[in-house]
Amino acid sequence: MRWICVTDKFDKFTYGKSYEGKSESKNLLNIPNDDGEYHLPAQWGYDGPDNFIEYFVTEERWQEIRKQKINKILGCPINSN
């Protein structure tokens, strides 16, 4: 499965880059970093109370995030097609 990095908080993983790997548990991914070394980064986490953060998302979720950002810039409703 392809996972897209959506954070700049991890060393050796690049924001917006696609990584091929698999889910090892509910929150850990088995994917190679930019140096080709396999690690188990978290798919998501928390940054303070009630602040959910995604670190890696599926390609479908990545498209959704990009569409929301474009709609926000254009002033369109988020749910518009």
Protein backbone atom coordinates (compact mmCIF):
# COMPACT_ATOMS: atom_id res chain seq x y z
CA MET A 1 0.00 0.00 0.00
CA ARG A 2 1.18 3.53 -0.69
CA TRP A 3 1.48 6.00 2.18
CA ILE A 4 2.01 9.74 1.76
CA CYS A 5 4.05 11.63 4.37
CA VAL A 6 2.07 14.67 5.56
CA THR A 7 4.47 16.00 8.18
CA ASP A 8 7.88 17.61 8.23
CA LYS A 9 8.52 16.45 11.81
CA PHE A 10 10.27 13.17 10.92
CA ASP A 11 13.91 12.99 9.89
CA LYS A 12 14.53 10.97 6.73
CA PHE A 13 10.90 11.17 5.55
CA THR A 14 9.85 13.87 3.07
CA TYR A 15 6.57 15.80 3.19
CA GLY A 16 4.39 14.88 0.20
CA LYS A 17 6.50 11.88 -0.77
CA SER A 18 4.90 8.51 -1.41
CA TYR A 19 6.27 5.46 0.41
CA GLU A 20 5.40 1.82 -0.29
CA GLY A 21 4.79 -0.26 2.81
CA LYS A 22 2.27 -1.94 5.02
CA SER A 23 0.47 -1.35 8.27
CA GLU A 24 2.07 -3.34 11.09
CA SER A 25 -0.48 -2.47 13.76
CA LYS A 26 -3.27 0.00 14.42
CA ASN A 27 -0.84 2.93 14.25
CA LEU A 28 2.58 1.71 13.05
CA LEU A 29 3.71 1.48 9.44
CA ASN A 30 6.51 -0.68 8.07
CA ILE A 31 7.97 1.59 5.38
CA PRO A 32 11.47 2.50 4.19
CA ASN A 33 12.73 6.00 4.91
CA ASP A 34 14.55 8.19 2.37
CA ASP A 35 17.76 6.23 2.99
CA GLY A 36 16.04 2.90 2.28
CA GLU A 37 16.15 1.80 5.92
CA TYR A 38 12.97 0.24 7.30
CA HIS A 39 11.40 1.84 10.35
CA LEU A 40 8.04 1.74 12.10
CA PRO A 41 6.85 5.36 12.11
CA ALA A 42 3.46 6.20 13.57
CA GLN A 43 0.62 6.84 11.15
CA TRP A 44 -0.90 9.43 13.49
CA GLY A 45 -0.42 10.98 16.92
CA TYR A 46 -1.41 13.80 19.25
CA ASP A 47 0.14 17.21 19.76
CA GLY A 48 -1.47 18.29 23.01
CA PRO A 49 -4.98 17.73 24.28
CA ASP A 50 -7.58 17.20 21.58
CA ASN A 51 -5.07 17.94 18.79
CA PHE A 52 -4.98 14.91 16.47
CA ILE A 53 -2.14 14.87 13.88
CA GLU A 54 -1.76 12.68 10.81
CA TYR A 55 1.82 11.77 9.81
CA PHE A 56 1.12 9.34 6.95
CA VAL A 57 -2.10 9.01 4.97
CA THR A 58 -3.42 6.85 2.15
CA GLU A 59 -3.42 8.21 -1.41
CA GLU A 60 -7.19 8.74 -1.18
CA ARG A 61 -6.85 10.80 2.01
CA TRP A 62 -3.97 12.78 0.43
CA GLN A 63 -6.23 13.75 -2.50
CA GLU A 64 -8.92 14.81 -0.02
CA ILE A 65 -6.44 16.99 1.92
CA ARG A 66 -5.20 18.63 -1.29
CA LYS A 67 -8.75 19.29 -2.50
CA GLN A 68 -9.67 20.90 0.84
CA LYS A 69 -6.62 23.18 0.67
CA ILE A 70 -7.43 24.24 -2.91
CA ASN A 71 -11.07 24.92 -2.00
CA LYS A 72 -9.97 26.98 1.00
CA ILE A 73 -7.65 29.09 -1.16
CA LEU A 74 -10.37 29.59 -3.77
CA GLY A 75 -13.00 30.34 -1.13
CA CYS A 76 -15.15 27.39 -2.17
CA PRO A 77 -17.18 25.35 0.29
CA ILE A 78 -15.14 22.37 1.53
CA ASN A 79 -17.71 19.81 0.40
CA SER A 80 -18.06 21.13 -3.14
CA ASN A 81 -17.22 18.81 -6.03
